[in-house]
Protein backbone atom coordinates (compact mmCIF):
# COMPACT_ATOMS: atom_id res chain seq x y z
CA UNK A 1 106.26 14.76 17.84
CA UNK A 2 107.39 17.83 20.39
CA UNK A 3 110.97 18.13 21.50
CA UNK A 4 110.06 17.28 24.94
CA UNK A 5 108.43 13.63 24.18
CA UNK A 6 110.60 10.79 24.24
CA UNK A 7 110.76 8.89 21.06
CA UNK A 8 109.47 5.36 20.79
CA UNK A 9 109.99 3.09 18.00
CA UNK A 10 107.05 1.40 18.95
CA UNK A 11 104.46 3.90 19.31
CA UNK A 12 103.40 3.48 15.56
CA UNK A 13 103.45 -0.25 15.83
CA UNK A 14 101.01 0.03 19.00
CA UNK A 15 98.93 2.29 17.09
CA UNK A 16 98.99 -0.18 14.09
CA UNK A 17 98.28 -2.98 16.37
CA UNK A 18 95.36 -1.55 18.02
CA UNK A 19 93.63 -0.48 14.60
CA UNK A 20 94.33 -4.21 13.43
CA UNK A 21 92.42 -5.48 16.61
CA UNK A 22 89.42 -3.05 15.85
CA UNK A 23 89.06 -4.35 12.53
CA UNK A 24 89.17 -8.08 13.55
CA UNK A 25 86.45 -7.16 15.93
CA UNK A 26 84.43 -5.46 13.64
CA UNK A 27 84.90 -8.07 11.07
CA UNK A 28 84.13 -10.70 13.76
CA UNK A 29 80.82 -8.90 14.81
CA UNK A 30 79.68 -8.54 11.36
CA UNK A 31 80.18 -12.56 11.06
CA UNK A 32 78.12 -13.10 14.06
CA UNK A 33 75.25 -10.64 12.74
CA UNK A 34 75.38 -12.94 9.63
CA UNK A 35 75.06 -15.94 11.43
CA UNK A 36 72.58 -14.79 13.62
CA UNK A 37 70.46 -13.81 10.74
CA UNK A 38 70.81 -17.07 9.05
CA UNK A 39 69.46 -18.96 11.98
CA UNK A 40 66.64 -16.37 12.69
CA UNK A 41 65.37 -16.86 8.54
CA UNK A 42 65.80 -20.67 9.44
CA UNK A 43 63.65 -20.50 12.32
CA UNK A 44 61.13 -18.13 10.58
CA UNK A 45 60.99 -20.45 7.87
CA UNK A 46 60.21 -23.38 9.73
CA UNK A 47 57.74 -21.70 12.24
CA UNK A 48 55.67 -20.57 8.86
CA UNK A 49 55.75 -24.27 7.68
CA UNK A 50 54.28 -25.52 11.04
CA UNK A 51 51.53 -22.96 10.79
CA UNK A 52 50.47 -23.80 7.46
CA UNK A 53 50.78 -27.17 8.48
CA UNK A 54 48.49 -26.81 11.56
CA UNK A 55 46.19 -24.78 9.53
CA UNK A 56 45.56 -27.44 7.10
CA UNK A 57 45.43 -29.80 9.77
CA UNK A 58 42.58 -27.77 11.44
CA UNK A 59 40.70 -27.25 8.27
CA UNK A 60 40.42 -30.70 7.74
CA UNK A 61 39.66 -32.09 11.35
CA UNK A 62 37.74 -29.53 12.70
CA UNK A 63 35.88 -31.05 15.73
CA UNK A 64 39.04 -32.55 16.55
CA UNK A 65 40.73 -29.40 16.67
CA UNK A 66 37.76 -28.38 19.20
CA UNK A 67 37.76 -31.37 21.39
CA UNK A 68 41.82 -30.84 21.55
CA UNK A 69 41.24 -27.20 22.53
CA UNK A 70 38.40 -27.83 25.06
CA UNK A 71 40.94 -30.72 26.55
CA UNK A 72 43.49 -28.33 27.10
CA UNK A 73 41.64 -25.69 28.55
CA UNK A 74 40.17 -27.92 31.38
CA UNK A 75 43.68 -29.13 32.13
CA UNK A 76 44.70 -25.41 32.39
CA UNK A 77 41.95 -24.46 34.04
CA UNK A 78 42.32 -27.61 36.59
CA UNK A 79 46.19 -26.33 37.43
CA UNK A 80 45.13 -22.87 37.63
CA UNK A 81 42.34 -23.47 40.22
CA UNK A 82 45.17 -25.87 42.00
CA UNK A 83 47.86 -23.21 42.29
CA UNK A 84 45.20 -20.59 43.34
CA UNK A 85 44.30 -22.80 46.44
CA UNK A 86 47.93 -23.02 47.34
CA UNK A 87 48.11 -19.29 47.93
């Protein structure tokens, strides 16, 4: 401290509080990252399970899957044609 600066009894306390707040922020951020990674892992696992289920179902009933795909295509085509006519 230089002689021209007024002495403050709270100067070091303020710095300590800033450091503590920074540490708490880092801890909170790390905790949020961990929670987000856990959620994303759960979603990925569930998506893999649904993909396996869909694959097994299509392999067991291929003509049903073809029919459903055809029907969805016809409906989507009709909706797109209606949207194109409105423009």
